[in-house]
Protein backbone atom coordinates (compact mmCIF):
# COMPACT_ATOMS: atom_id res chain seq x y z
CA MET A 1 48.40 83.08 52.69
CA LEU A 2 50.90 85.97 52.54
CA ILE A 3 50.13 88.80 54.91
CA THR A 4 51.10 92.20 53.63
CA GLU A 5 51.42 95.61 55.15
CA PHE A 6 48.28 97.75 55.07
CA THR A 7 48.10 100.28 52.20
CA PRO A 8 45.70 103.26 52.74
CA ASP A 9 43.16 104.03 50.09
CA LYS A 10 44.00 107.71 49.23
CA THR A 11 40.60 108.18 47.42
CA LEU A 12 38.61 107.26 50.65
CA ASN A 13 36.02 109.83 51.52
CA LYS A 14 36.65 110.89 55.17
CA GLU A 15 33.30 111.57 56.63
CA LYS A 16 33.02 112.33 60.39
CA ILE A 17 33.21 109.16 62.46
CA LYS A 18 33.24 108.25 66.14
CA VAL A 19 36.06 105.92 67.29
CA MET A 20 36.77 104.49 70.72
CA ILE A 21 40.17 103.12 71.81
CA TYR A 22 40.34 100.72 74.77
CA GLY A 23 43.76 99.64 76.05
CA VAL A 24 46.49 100.21 78.61
CA CYS A 25 47.16 103.49 80.43
CA PRO A 26 49.73 105.43 78.51
CA TYR A 27 51.81 106.15 81.67
CA GLY A 28 54.98 104.17 81.37
CA ASN A 29 57.65 103.62 78.67
CA GLY A 30 56.02 100.51 77.17
CA GLY A 31 55.61 100.21 73.49
CA ILE A 32 51.84 99.89 73.56
CA SER A 33 51.55 102.76 76.04
CA ASN A 34 53.65 105.10 73.85
CA HIS A 35 51.82 103.96 70.74
CA ILE A 36 48.40 104.78 72.14
CA LYS A 37 49.52 108.09 73.68
CA ARG A 38 51.01 109.29 70.39
CA LEU A 39 48.10 108.08 68.24
CA VAL A 40 45.52 109.76 70.48
CA SER A 41 47.58 112.98 70.53
CA TYR A 42 48.02 112.85 66.65
CA VAL A 43 44.36 112.35 65.96
CA LYS A 44 43.15 115.09 68.33
CA LYS A 45 45.65 117.62 66.87
CA ASN A 46 45.50 116.66 63.18
CA GLU A 47 42.35 114.70 62.25
CA PRO A 48 39.07 116.60 62.56
CA SER A 49 37.22 113.75 60.74
CA VAL A 50 37.61 111.52 63.76
CA ASP A 51 35.83 112.03 67.10
CA LEU A 52 38.08 109.91 69.27
CA SER A 53 37.45 108.65 72.78
CA TYR A 54 40.04 106.79 74.82
CA TYR A 55 39.47 104.58 77.86
CA HIS A 56 41.86 102.27 79.70
CA HIS A 57 41.55 99.24 81.95
CA ASP A 58 44.33 100.14 84.49
CA LYS A 59 42.28 100.94 87.64
CA CYS A 60 45.28 102.47 89.50
CA TYR A 61 45.39 105.34 86.97
CA SER A 62 42.39 107.63 86.62
CA SER A 63 43.73 111.16 86.15
CA GLU A 64 42.88 113.15 83.01
CA LYS A 65 46.38 112.80 81.59
CA CYS A 66 46.01 108.99 81.74
CA GLY A 67 42.62 108.95 80.00
CA LEU A 68 39.45 107.58 81.57
CA TYR A 69 39.33 104.30 83.44
CA ALA A 70 36.57 101.91 82.43
CA SER A 71 35.90 98.38 83.76
CA ALA A 72 34.67 95.66 81.48
CA TYR A 73 31.13 96.05 82.84
CA GLN A 74 31.19 99.85 82.41
CA LEU A 75 31.98 99.33 78.75
CA ILE A 76 28.40 98.28 78.06
CA ASN A 77 27.02 101.70 78.99
CA ILE A 78 29.80 103.55 77.28
CA TYR A 79 29.15 101.66 74.03
CA ARG A 80 25.38 102.18 74.31
CA LYS A 81 25.51 105.95 75.11
CA ASN A 82 28.13 106.97 72.51
CA LYS A 83 27.07 105.09 69.38
CA TYR A 84 30.57 104.55 68.00
CA ASP A 85 31.32 103.60 64.42
CA VAL A 86 34.56 101.75 65.31
CA VAL A 87 35.96 100.32 68.62
CA GLN A 88 39.56 99.37 68.65
CA ILE A 89 40.74 97.01 71.43
CA TYR A 90 44.39 96.76 72.32
CA SER A 91 45.40 93.18 73.30
CA LEU A 92 43.09 90.46 74.49
CA ILE A 93 42.75 91.90 78.07
CA ASN A 94 40.23 89.34 79.55
CA TRP A 95 37.13 87.31 78.70
CA LYS A 96 34.69 89.85 80.15
CA VAL A 97 35.95 92.62 77.83
CA GLN A 98 35.69 90.21 74.90
CA LEU A 99 32.15 89.04 75.79
CA TYR A 100 30.67 92.50 76.58
CA THR A 101 32.29 93.94 73.42
CA TYR A 102 30.91 90.99 71.31
CA LEU A 103 27.37 91.43 72.68
CA SER A 104 27.40 95.19 72.33
CA SER A 105 28.65 95.01 68.82
CA PHE A 106 25.98 92.49 67.86
CA PHE A 107 23.19 94.80 69.08
CA LEU A 108 24.69 98.26 68.32
CA GLY A 109 26.46 97.42 65.04
CA PHE A 110 29.82 99.09 65.57
CA LYS A 111 32.89 97.62 63.91
CA ILE A 112 35.71 96.03 65.98
CA ILE A 113 39.44 96.14 65.49
CA LEU A 114 41.75 94.10 67.63
CA SER A 115 45.40 95.07 67.88
CA LEU A 116 47.86 92.35 68.64
CA ARG A 117 51.23 94.02 69.06
CA ASN A 118 53.52 91.12 69.84
CA ASP A 119 54.04 87.57 68.71
CA ARG A 120 52.83 85.79 71.86
CA PHE A 121 49.20 85.02 70.77
CA PRO A 122 49.75 81.29 70.59
CA ASP A 123 51.17 81.24 74.16
CA THR A 124 48.28 83.35 75.39
CA TYR A 125 45.67 81.24 73.72
CA ASN A 126 47.08 77.90 74.95
CA SER A 127 47.13 79.26 78.50
CA LEU A 128 43.39 79.96 78.53
CA ARG A 129 40.78 77.83 80.24
CA PHE A 130 38.19 75.94 78.05
CA PHE A 131 35.36 78.51 78.49
CA GLU A 132 37.78 81.37 77.85
CA LYS A 133 38.76 79.79 74.50
CA LEU A 134 35.07 79.50 73.58
CA ILE A 135 34.45 83.19 74.37
CA LEU A 136 37.62 84.25 72.52
CA LYS A 137 36.47 82.49 69.37
CA LEU A 138 33.05 84.03 69.71
CA PHE A 139 34.64 87.43 70.05
CA PHE A 140 36.93 86.80 67.11
CA SER A 141 33.85 85.99 64.93
CA ARG A 142 32.69 89.64 65.28
CA ILE A 143 36.07 91.24 64.74
CA ASP A 144 36.42 93.10 61.37
CA LYS A 145 40.16 93.61 61.33
CA PHE A 146 43.15 92.39 63.35
CA VAL A 147 45.93 94.92 63.33
CA CYS A 148 49.34 93.10 63.80
CA VAL A 149 52.92 94.06 63.49
CA ASN A 150 54.68 91.00 62.28
CA SER A 151 53.65 89.21 59.02
CA GLU A 152 55.78 86.15 59.95
CA ALA A 153 54.14 85.39 63.30
CA ASP A 154 51.94 82.45 64.04
CA TYR A 155 48.29 83.61 64.31
CA LEU A 156 46.81 80.16 64.64
CA PHE A 157 43.10 80.10 63.45
CA ILE A 158 42.82 83.90 62.70
CA ASP A 159 41.41 84.51 59.24
CA ARG A 160 44.46 85.88 57.29
CA LYS A 161 42.12 87.96 55.17
CA LYS A 162 41.22 90.00 58.26
CA ILE A 163 44.86 90.64 59.31
CA CYS A 164 46.53 93.91 58.30
CA ILE A 165 50.13 94.84 59.17
CA ILE A 166 50.56 98.31 60.57
CA PRO A 167 53.86 98.87 62.51
CA GLY A 168 53.38 100.36 65.95
CA PHE A 169 55.87 103.23 65.68
CA ILE A 170 54.33 106.70 65.57
CA GLN A 171 56.68 109.66 65.44
CA PRO A 172 57.14 111.13 68.89
CA ALA A 173 56.15 114.70 69.37
CA ASP A 174 58.92 117.35 69.79
CA ASP A 175 58.34 117.50 73.51
CA GLU A 176 59.27 113.82 73.96
CA TYR A 177 62.68 114.47 72.43
CA ASN A 178 63.29 117.72 74.28
CA ARG A 179 62.27 116.60 77.87
CA THR A 180 64.88 117.20 80.47
CA LEU A 181 66.32 114.00 81.78
CA PRO A 182 66.71 113.57 85.58
CA GLN A 183 69.95 114.95 86.93
CA LYS A 184 71.24 111.50 88.05
CA ILE A 185 70.96 110.21 84.48
CA LEU A 186 72.70 113.32 83.11
CA ASP A 187 75.50 112.87 85.64
CA PHE A 188 75.83 109.20 84.68
CA ILE A 189 76.02 110.11 80.95
CA ASP A 190 78.66 112.83 81.61
CA SER A 191 80.84 110.46 83.59
CA HIS A 192 81.06 107.95 80.66
CA GLU A 193 82.61 108.17 77.20
CA LEU A 194 80.03 105.95 75.53
CA ILE A 195 76.36 105.39 76.46
CA LEU A 196 74.31 102.25 75.59
CA ALA A 197 70.56 102.65 76.14
CA THR A 198 67.75 100.09 76.45
CA ASN A 199 64.34 99.94 78.01
CA ALA A 200 61.55 97.68 79.13
CA THR A 201 58.12 98.23 80.53
CA ALA A 202 58.80 96.04 83.54
CA PRO A 203 60.83 92.90 84.39
CA LYS A 204 59.15 89.82 82.91
CA ILE A 205 59.80 86.13 82.47
CA HIS A 206 58.31 84.48 79.39
CA ASN A 207 58.73 80.77 78.80
CA GLY A 208 61.36 80.66 81.55
CA VAL A 209 63.48 83.46 80.01
CA ASP A 210 63.94 87.13 80.80
CA LEU A 211 61.72 88.60 78.13
CA TYR A 212 63.50 91.96 77.85
CA GLY A 213 66.98 90.64 78.32
CA PHE A 214 67.72 92.34 81.62
CA ASP A 215 70.15 89.54 82.46
CA LEU A 216 71.78 89.80 78.99
CA ALA A 217 72.31 93.52 79.36
CA ILE A 218 74.17 93.04 82.60
CA ASP A 219 76.30 90.20 81.27
CA LEU A 220 77.03 92.18 78.15
CA MET A 221 78.37 95.06 80.21
CA ALA A 222 80.61 92.67 82.11
CA GLU A 223 81.98 91.23 78.83
CA LEU A 224 82.60 94.72 77.43
CA LYS A 225 84.61 95.63 80.55
CA LYS A 226 86.73 92.49 80.02
CA GLN A 227 87.45 93.73 76.52
CA LYS A 228 88.62 97.06 77.87
CA PHE A 229 85.62 99.19 76.93
CA ASN A 230 86.06 100.93 80.28
CA GLY A 231 84.40 104.14 79.31
CA ALA A 232 81.13 102.50 78.51
CA GLY A 233 78.02 102.87 80.55
CA MET A 234 74.51 101.48 80.20
CA VAL A 235 71.18 103.13 81.05
CA PHE A 236 68.33 100.67 81.44
CA LEU A 237 64.87 102.30 81.69
CA MET A 238 62.36 100.09 83.51
CA PRO A 239 59.54 102.29 84.88
CA GLU A 240 57.31 99.58 86.48
CA ILE A 241 58.49 96.97 88.97
CA ASN A 242 55.52 94.63 89.50
CA LEU A 243 55.34 92.44 92.57
CA ARG A 244 55.19 89.16 90.56
CA TYR A 245 58.72 89.70 89.12
CA LYS A 246 60.23 91.74 92.06
CA PRO A 247 62.33 88.77 93.14
CA HIS A 248 63.82 88.55 89.63
CA PHE A 249 64.42 92.31 89.58
CA ASP A 250 66.20 92.11 92.96
CA GLU A 251 68.33 89.21 91.74
CA MET A 252 69.45 91.27 88.71
CA ILE A 253 70.31 94.24 90.91
CA ASN A 254 72.43 91.95 93.09
CA ARG A 255 74.03 90.59 89.92
CA ILE A 256 75.05 94.15 88.97
CA SER A 257 76.84 94.50 92.32
CA ALA A 258 78.43 91.10 92.19
CA LEU A 259 79.95 91.89 88.75
CA ASN A 260 81.21 95.29 90.01
CA LEU A 261 79.11 97.19 87.59
CA ARG A 262 77.33 99.63 89.90
CA GLU A 263 79.27 102.63 88.50
CA ASP A 264 78.61 101.67 84.86
CA PHE A 265 75.02 100.24 84.86
CA LEU A 266 72.17 102.52 85.77
CA VAL A 267 68.67 101.12 86.22
CA TRP A 268 65.98 103.80 86.25
CA ASP A 269 62.65 102.70 87.60
CA SER A 270 60.58 105.85 86.99
CA PRO A 271 59.00 107.04 83.74
CA VAL A 272 61.52 108.84 81.50
CA SER A 273 61.38 109.86 77.86
CA PHE A 274 63.27 107.15 75.93
CA PRO A 275 63.58 109.45 72.81
CA ALA A 276 65.22 112.12 75.08
CA LEU A 277 67.68 109.47 76.40
CA LEU A 278 68.38 108.24 72.79
CA LYS A 279 69.46 111.81 71.76
CA LYS A 280 72.26 111.53 74.30
CA SER A 281 73.16 107.87 73.62
CA ASP A 282 75.74 106.37 71.22
CA LEU A 283 73.85 103.15 70.53
CA SER A 284 70.76 101.34 71.74
CA LEU A 285 69.88 97.76 72.43
CA ARG A 286 66.76 95.58 71.89
CA LEU A 287 67.48 92.34 73.70
CA THR A 288 64.02 90.72 73.74
CA SER A 289 63.58 86.95 73.51
CA ASN A 290 60.12 87.41 71.90
CA ASP A 291 58.92 90.52 70.15
CA GLY A 292 56.53 92.15 67.66
CA ASP A 293 57.56 95.34 65.99
CA SER A 294 59.68 97.32 68.43
CA SER A 295 58.92 101.08 68.54
CA SER A 296 62.20 101.70 70.40
CA VAL A 297 64.19 100.23 67.54
CA ARG A 298 62.45 102.58 65.08
CA GLU A 299 62.81 105.46 67.38
CA SER A 300 66.55 104.87 67.48
CA LEU A 301 66.98 104.54 63.76
CA SER A 302 64.85 107.64 63.10
CA LEU A 303 67.41 109.59 65.15
CA GLY A 304 70.39 107.94 63.47
CA VAL A 305 71.36 105.99 66.63
CA PRO A 306 72.73 102.46 65.83
CA VAL A 307 70.80 99.54 67.20
CA VAL A 308 71.84 96.03 68.14
CA GLY A 309 68.69 93.91 68.15
CA SER A 310 67.81 90.23 68.64
CA ASP A 311 66.60 88.16 65.72
CA ALA A 312 63.44 87.25 67.74
CA ALA A 313 61.43 89.26 65.20
CA PRO A 314 61.89 91.02 61.88
CA ARG A 315 63.83 94.24 62.32
CA PRO A 316 64.01 97.39 60.15
CA ASP A 317 67.06 97.89 57.84
CA GLY A 318 69.99 99.32 59.77
CA THR A 319 69.59 97.08 62.78
CA VAL A 320 72.62 94.97 63.72
CA LEU A 321 71.14 91.56 64.47
CA PHE A 322 72.44 89.05 66.98
CA ARG A 323 71.11 85.53 67.76
CA SER A 324 68.53 85.76 70.42
CA ARG A 325 69.75 84.89 73.92
CA ASP A 326 73.26 84.30 72.64
CA LEU A 327 75.59 86.31 74.87
CA HIS A 328 78.72 85.60 72.82
CA ASP A 329 77.12 86.78 69.58
CA LEU A 330 75.65 89.83 71.29
CA THR A 331 79.04 90.80 72.72
CA CYS A 332 80.81 90.35 69.32
CA LYS A 333 78.18 92.37 67.45
CA THR A 334 78.11 95.11 70.09
CA ALA A 335 81.97 95.40 70.38
CA HIS A 336 82.28 95.48 66.57
CA LEU A 337 79.65 98.23 66.26
CA ILE A 338 81.29 100.33 69.01
CA GLU A 339 84.69 100.06 67.18
CA ASN A 340 83.00 101.11 63.88
CA LEU A 341 80.38 103.61 64.86
CA ASP A 342 81.49 106.06 62.25
CA ASP A 343 81.32 103.44 59.45
CA TRP A 344 77.78 102.51 60.51
CA LYS A 345 76.67 106.15 60.45
CA ASN A 346 78.24 106.74 57.11
CA ASP A 347 76.56 103.68 55.60
CA PHE A 348 73.14 104.10 57.27
CA LYS A 349 70.61 105.85 55.00
CA LYS A 350 68.12 107.65 57.29
CA THR A 351 64.63 107.64 55.92
CA SER A 352 61.54 109.57 56.76
CA PRO A 353 59.33 107.53 59.15
CA VAL A 354 56.13 106.08 57.62
CA ASP A 355 52.97 107.82 58.90
CA ASN A 356 51.41 104.85 60.72
CA ALA A 357 48.89 107.14 62.48
CA GLN A 358 47.40 107.97 59.05
CA LYS A 359 47.33 104.31 58.19
CA MET A 360 45.21 103.66 61.31
CA ILE A 361 42.86 106.59 60.54
CA HIS A 362 42.42 105.21 57.03
CA LEU A 363 41.62 101.82 58.42
CA TRP A 364 38.94 103.33 60.69
CA HIS A 365 37.34 105.08 57.79
CA SER A 366 37.43 102.05 55.60
CA LEU A 367 35.29 100.21 58.15
CA SER A 368 32.78 102.93 58.89
């Protein structure tokens, strides 16, 4: 069955509804973090028909700017006290969240939306223990809509009639574009003729491969230097360095030194506005080996910044595609783009971003 992008019903009567979002803390530069942060901000500023609550499951963040922390067990009381019309869960999280949400929905009657914002559902499902798979299927039986970002992905046994495609990109607020970058980044930009920008939530290995292409980015810069692009510099935003992948991160930092790239490859491991960096960049890169719908690609194109992206997922028009994990193809495509930046900008037709926040709001109302 063909999965198509969600089309809002413009005639829908928007009565007041109560909605709860439960997901990651919107602290870093990750795609889901930024999506939730922008969606919550948009609704609170522009949509009086929605009484929106936001909770997250990252225990280390509990300040007001990060939303309210709630454990899986605490969700039971939150659901009971607030009498939501719709609860939207971002990602599978864990079996306790699934079980408590299933039971609460059964007794309280609220609708459930599950957002799957990448293509790794089959890998995640196959890694679960037997009882976790049973709880997951029980949870899925209560879900009213699955919000996904890639119509071509493998969703296994999920009912295709319940899947709707809504891209994750929500237009950043003006303050994201206008934030002042750290002085070290500004100095790095000033010391180079051409800036390549890319980002990742954190270093991660998926199926034995660097998920965000940290290794590819380093090797690409080494290849560009060989081709005499001596004025080029790369800024790689990576705001979280988790302990599990710290050895891989350290290995990549050593690789930068071994290839004599320390003056031309800047890794920034604190939260920074990627849109603000894009405004000062000449092109951006999306080097993922597995992906959903990348917000950073759409952010770049919305600013008229050229993008070189892997073919690991469908990409918007204007993206220069390279074969995923193929350094030679990546180098050729990037070098050609650098040499023809003016042609790309002349050919690229910038369009107004689709209002995906309004699509989500219409989906909530359609279920209430």
